[in-house]
Each structure stands twice: as C-alpha cells, then as structure tokens.
C-alpha cells in the first residue's frame, strides 16, 4: 500500500512508516495524479472523496492505493474519474488561506487517513 498525498503533514508523519508519493499541488491535481496511477494499474484502497470536507474546500488530500500496478482495475478508474468530475463542480472555497487554516486542513486530512490505515 502507498499513500498519494499533497499534504506535508502526512509526508512528515508517515514517510518513515509507509510509501508516500508526495507532490505539491491542488486538490484537483492530486486527483489527476491518482487517476494517472489508476491508468497504470494501481488500485484504489480508499475513496478519493472520503470525509465530510467538500472537494475544493480543502487544499489537501491523501488517497491510499495499492503498492504496485496490476491489471487495470475498472472500478478504481471509474471512481477516480467520477471524483474528478465531482470536484470540478465545486469552486475553490478559500483561495487565500491563512497558515492556521492550512494547518487545520492538514490535520483533518491526516486524521481521516489515520482512520483508514
């Protein structure tokens, strides 16, 4: 299993315990990164839109995927593509975010991920 994330708190706390694929970028860019991995045969192990925070309300997201590629998993590909379409419907709620808000959203994503692990 590996974690695909744009959350620096997840990288900091979990990189010594799990394979972490970290890349800075927006929520939408993270979903596209996961989609690209699904096209390569990685399988989703957590839902890309899990949690009660709406897409584009938070800039951070972490998704669990399989350790390595296998045969194309159509269900994973469908879920991630539908997640991208859903996220695209929501405008970015906080284009200018304070450091405190960023830290709060990082903690929310980290806590959601911990419950999935």
C-alpha atoms as a PDB file:
ATOM      1  CA  UNK A   1       0.000   0.000   0.000  1.00  0.00           C
ATOM      2  CA  UNK A   2       1.133   3.547  -0.681  1.00  0.00           C
ATOM      3  CA  UNK A   3      -0.172   6.996   0.109  1.00  0.00           C
ATOM      4  CA  UNK A   4      -0.572   9.585  -2.636  1.00  0.00           C
ATOM      5  CA  UNK A   5      -0.790  12.990  -0.986  1.00  0.00           C
ATOM      6  CA  UNK A   6      -0.247  16.698  -1.294  1.00  0.00           C
ATOM      7  CA  UNK A   7      -0.354  17.101   2.491  1.00  0.00           C
ATOM      8  CA  UNK A   8       3.037  17.978   4.024  1.00  0.00           C
ATOM      9  CA  UNK A   9       1.870  16.793   7.463  1.00  0.00           C
ATOM     10  CA  UNK A  10       1.147  13.312   6.078  1.00  0.00           C
ATOM     11  CA  UNK A  11       4.567  13.214   4.446  1.00  0.00           C
ATOM     12  CA  UNK A  12       6.277  14.348   7.655  1.00  0.00           C
ATOM     13  CA  UNK A  13       4.444  11.934   9.967  1.00  0.00           C
ATOM     14  CA  UNK A  14       4.175   8.827   7.786  1.00  0.00           C
ATOM     15  CA  UNK A  15       7.056   8.721   5.297  1.00  0.00           C
ATOM     16  CA  UNK A  16       9.147   6.564   7.650  1.00  0.00           C
ATOM     17  CA  UNK A  17       6.326   4.021   8.006  1.00  0.00           C
ATOM     18  CA  UNK A  18       4.654   3.904   4.579  1.00  0.00           C
ATOM     19  CA  UNK A  19       5.493   4.529   0.940  1.00  0.00           C
ATOM     20  CA  UNK A  20       4.434   8.147   0.432  1.00  0.00           C
ATOM     21  CA  UNK A  21       4.098   9.642  -3.046  1.00  0.00           C
ATOM     22  CA  UNK A  22       4.130  13.351  -2.196  1.00  0.00           C
ATOM     23  CA  UNK A  23       3.670  16.156  -4.671  1.00  0.00           C
ATOM     24  CA  UNK A  24       2.738  19.753  -4.032  1.00  0.00           C
ATOM     25  CA  UNK A  25      -0.309  20.851  -5.931  1.00  0.00           C
ATOM     26  CA  UNK A  26      -4.012  21.497  -5.712  1.00  0.00           C
ATOM     27  CA  UNK A  27      -6.744  19.087  -4.685  1.00  0.00           C
ATOM     28  CA  UNK A  28      -7.619  18.626  -8.360  1.00  0.00           C
ATOM     29  CA  UNK A  29      -4.015  17.999  -9.348  1.00  0.00           C
ATOM     30  CA  UNK A  30      -3.793  15.327  -6.644  1.00  0.00           C
ATOM     31  CA  UNK A  31      -6.865  13.577  -8.047  1.00  0.00           C
ATOM     32  CA  UNK A  32      -5.352  13.645 -11.547  1.00  0.00           C
ATOM     33  CA  UNK A  33      -2.134  12.134 -10.135  1.00  0.00           C
ATOM     34  CA  UNK A  34      -4.179   9.300  -8.613  1.00  0.00           C
ATOM     35  CA  UNK A  35      -6.077   8.854 -11.893  1.00  0.00           C
ATOM     36  CA  UNK A  36      -2.817   8.556 -13.789  1.00  0.00           C
ATOM     37  CA  UNK A  37      -1.708   5.827 -11.393  1.00  0.00           C
ATOM     38  CA  UNK A  38      -5.058   4.050 -11.841  1.00  0.00           C
ATOM     39  CA  UNK A  39      -4.416   4.048 -15.603  1.00  0.00           C
ATOM     40  CA  UNK A  40      -1.129   2.279 -14.866  1.00  0.00           C
ATOM     41  CA  UNK A  41      -2.965  -0.442 -12.923  1.00  0.00           C
ATOM     42  CA  UNK A  42      -2.845   0.828  -9.337  1.00  0.00           C
ATOM     43  CA  UNK A  43      -5.993   0.029  -7.351  1.00  0.00           C
ATOM     44  CA  UNK A  44      -7.743   2.472  -5.026  1.00  0.00           C
ATOM     45  CA  UNK A  45      -7.790   1.369  -1.384  1.00  0.00           C
ATOM     46  CA  UNK A  46      -9.566   4.475  -0.081  1.00  0.00           C
ATOM     47  CA  UNK A  47     -12.164   6.690  -1.690  1.00  0.00           C
ATOM     48  CA  UNK A  48     -10.742   9.924  -3.129  1.00  0.00           C
ATOM     49  CA  UNK A  49     -13.660  11.958  -1.756  1.00  0.00           C
ATOM     50  CA  UNK A  50     -13.824  10.409   1.709  1.00  0.00           C
ATOM     51  CA  UNK A  51     -14.637  12.590   4.685  1.00  0.00           C
ATOM     52  CA  UNK A  52     -17.090  15.380   5.259  1.00  0.00           C
ATOM     53  CA  UNK A  53     -14.968  18.181   3.773  1.00  0.00           C
ATOM     54  CA  UNK A  54     -16.238  19.091   0.317  1.00  0.00           C
ATOM     55  CA  UNK A  55     -13.872  18.973  -2.652  1.00  0.00           C
ATOM     56  CA  UNK A  56     -12.056  22.267  -3.170  1.00  0.00           C
ATOM     57  CA  UNK A  57     -12.954  23.371   0.381  1.00  0.00           C
ATOM     58  CA  UNK A  58      -9.647  21.906   1.496  1.00  0.00           C
ATOM     59  CA  UNK A  59      -6.421  22.071  -0.488  1.00  0.00           C
ATOM     60  CA  UNK A  60      -5.173  18.751   0.952  1.00  0.00           C
ATOM     61  CA  UNK A  61      -5.997  15.159   0.167  1.00  0.00           C
ATOM     62  CA  UNK A  62      -4.425  11.779   0.791  1.00  0.00           C
ATOM     63  CA  UNK A  63      -5.506   8.614  -1.027  1.00  0.00           C
ATOM     64  CA  UNK A  64      -4.441   5.038  -0.353  1.00  0.00           C
ATOM     65  CA  UNK A  65      -3.586   2.959  -3.402  1.00  0.00           C
ATOM     66  CA  UNK A  66      -2.098  -0.474  -3.994  1.00  0.00           C
ATOM     67  CA  UNK A  67       1.630  -0.982  -3.590  1.00  0.00           C
ATOM     68  CA  UNK A  68       2.226  -1.655  -7.237  1.00  0.00           C
ATOM     69  CA  UNK A  69       0.427  -1.821 -10.538  1.00  0.00           C
ATOM     70  CA  UNK A  70      -1.513  -4.831 -11.679  1.00  0.00           C
ATOM     71  CA  UNK A  71      -4.197  -5.394 -14.244  1.00  0.00           C
ATOM     72  CA  UNK A  72      -6.316  -2.334 -14.964  1.00  0.00           C
ATOM     73  CA  UNK A  73      -8.982  -2.073 -12.252  1.00  0.00           C
ATOM     74  CA  UNK A  74     -12.014  -0.590 -13.976  1.00  0.00           C
ATOM     75  CA  UNK A  75     -13.779   0.120 -10.670  1.00  0.00           C
ATOM     76  CA  UNK A  76     -10.837   2.181  -9.379  1.00  0.00           C
ATOM     77  CA  UNK A  77     -10.631   4.056 -12.656  1.00  0.00           C
ATOM     78  CA  UNK A  78     -14.371   4.789 -12.616  1.00  0.00           C
ATOM     79  CA  UNK A  79     -14.260   6.014  -9.013  1.00  0.00           C
ATOM     80  CA  UNK A  80     -11.321   8.361  -9.555  1.00  0.00           C
ATOM     81  CA  UNK A  81     -12.683   9.741 -12.824  1.00  0.00           C
ATOM     82  CA  UNK A  82     -16.084  10.384 -11.206  1.00  0.00           C
ATOM     83  CA  UNK A  83     -14.303  12.000  -8.257  1.00  0.00           C
ATOM     84  CA  UNK A  84     -12.513  14.397 -10.602  1.00  0.00           C
ATOM     85  CA  UNK A  85     -15.823  15.307 -12.270  1.00  0.00           C
ATOM     86  CA  UNK A  86     -17.415  15.915  -8.861  1.00  0.00           C
ATOM     87  CA  UNK A  87     -14.501  18.010  -7.595  1.00  0.00           C
ATOM     88  CA  UNK A  88     -14.596  20.124 -10.751  1.00  0.00           C
ATOM     89  CA  UNK A  89     -18.181  21.151  -9.893  1.00  0.00           C
ATOM     90  CA  UNK A  90     -17.043  22.925  -6.718  1.00  0.00           C
ATOM     91  CA  UNK A  91     -15.245  26.265  -6.872  1.00  0.00           C
ATOM     92  CA  UNK A  92     -12.211  26.740  -4.631  1.00  0.00           C
ATOM     93  CA  UNK A  93     -13.758  27.989  -1.407  1.00  0.00           C
ATOM     94  CA  UNK A  94     -10.691  29.575   0.201  1.00  0.00           C
ATOM     95  CA  UNK A  95      -8.290  30.832  -2.481  1.00  0.00           C
ATOM     96  CA  UNK A  96      -6.397  32.828   0.174  1.00  0.00           C
ATOM     97  CA  UNK A  97      -5.842  30.728   3.268  1.00  0.00           C
ATOM     98  CA  UNK A  98      -4.049  31.633   6.479  1.00  0.00           C
ATOM     99  CA  UNK A  99      -1.285  29.398   7.824  1.00  0.00           C
ATOM    100  CA  UNK A 100      -3.622  28.416  10.699  1.00  0.00           C
ATOM    101  CA  UNK A 101      -6.339  27.302   8.284  1.00  0.00           C
ATOM    102  CA  UNK A 102      -3.785  25.342   6.246  1.00  0.00           C
ATOM    103  CA  UNK A 103      -2.582  23.595   9.398  1.00  0.00           C
ATOM    104  CA  UNK A 104      -6.179  22.772  10.370  1.00  0.00           C
ATOM    105  CA  UNK A 105      -6.968  21.278   6.951  1.00  0.00           C
ATOM    106  CA  UNK A 106      -3.707  19.295   7.016  1.00  0.00           C
ATOM    107  CA  UNK A 107      -4.707  17.847  10.387  1.00  0.00           C
ATOM    108  CA  UNK A 108      -8.201  16.963   9.155  1.00  0.00           C
ATOM    109  CA  UNK A 109      -6.772  15.090   6.159  1.00  0.00           C
ATOM    110  CA  UNK A 110      -4.150  13.365   8.345  1.00  0.00           C
ATOM    111  CA  UNK A 111      -6.829  12.267  10.842  1.00  0.00           C
ATOM    112  CA  UNK A 112      -9.068  10.894   8.076  1.00  0.00           C
ATOM    113  CA  UNK A 113      -6.121   8.999   6.648  1.00  0.00           C
ATOM    114  CA  UNK A 114      -5.211   7.587  10.056  1.00  0.00           C
ATOM    115  CA  UNK A 115      -8.716   6.142  10.407  1.00  0.00           C
ATOM    116  CA  UNK A 116      -8.332   4.441   7.005  1.00  0.00           C
ATOM    117  CA  UNK A 117      -4.933   2.998   7.894  1.00  0.00           C
END
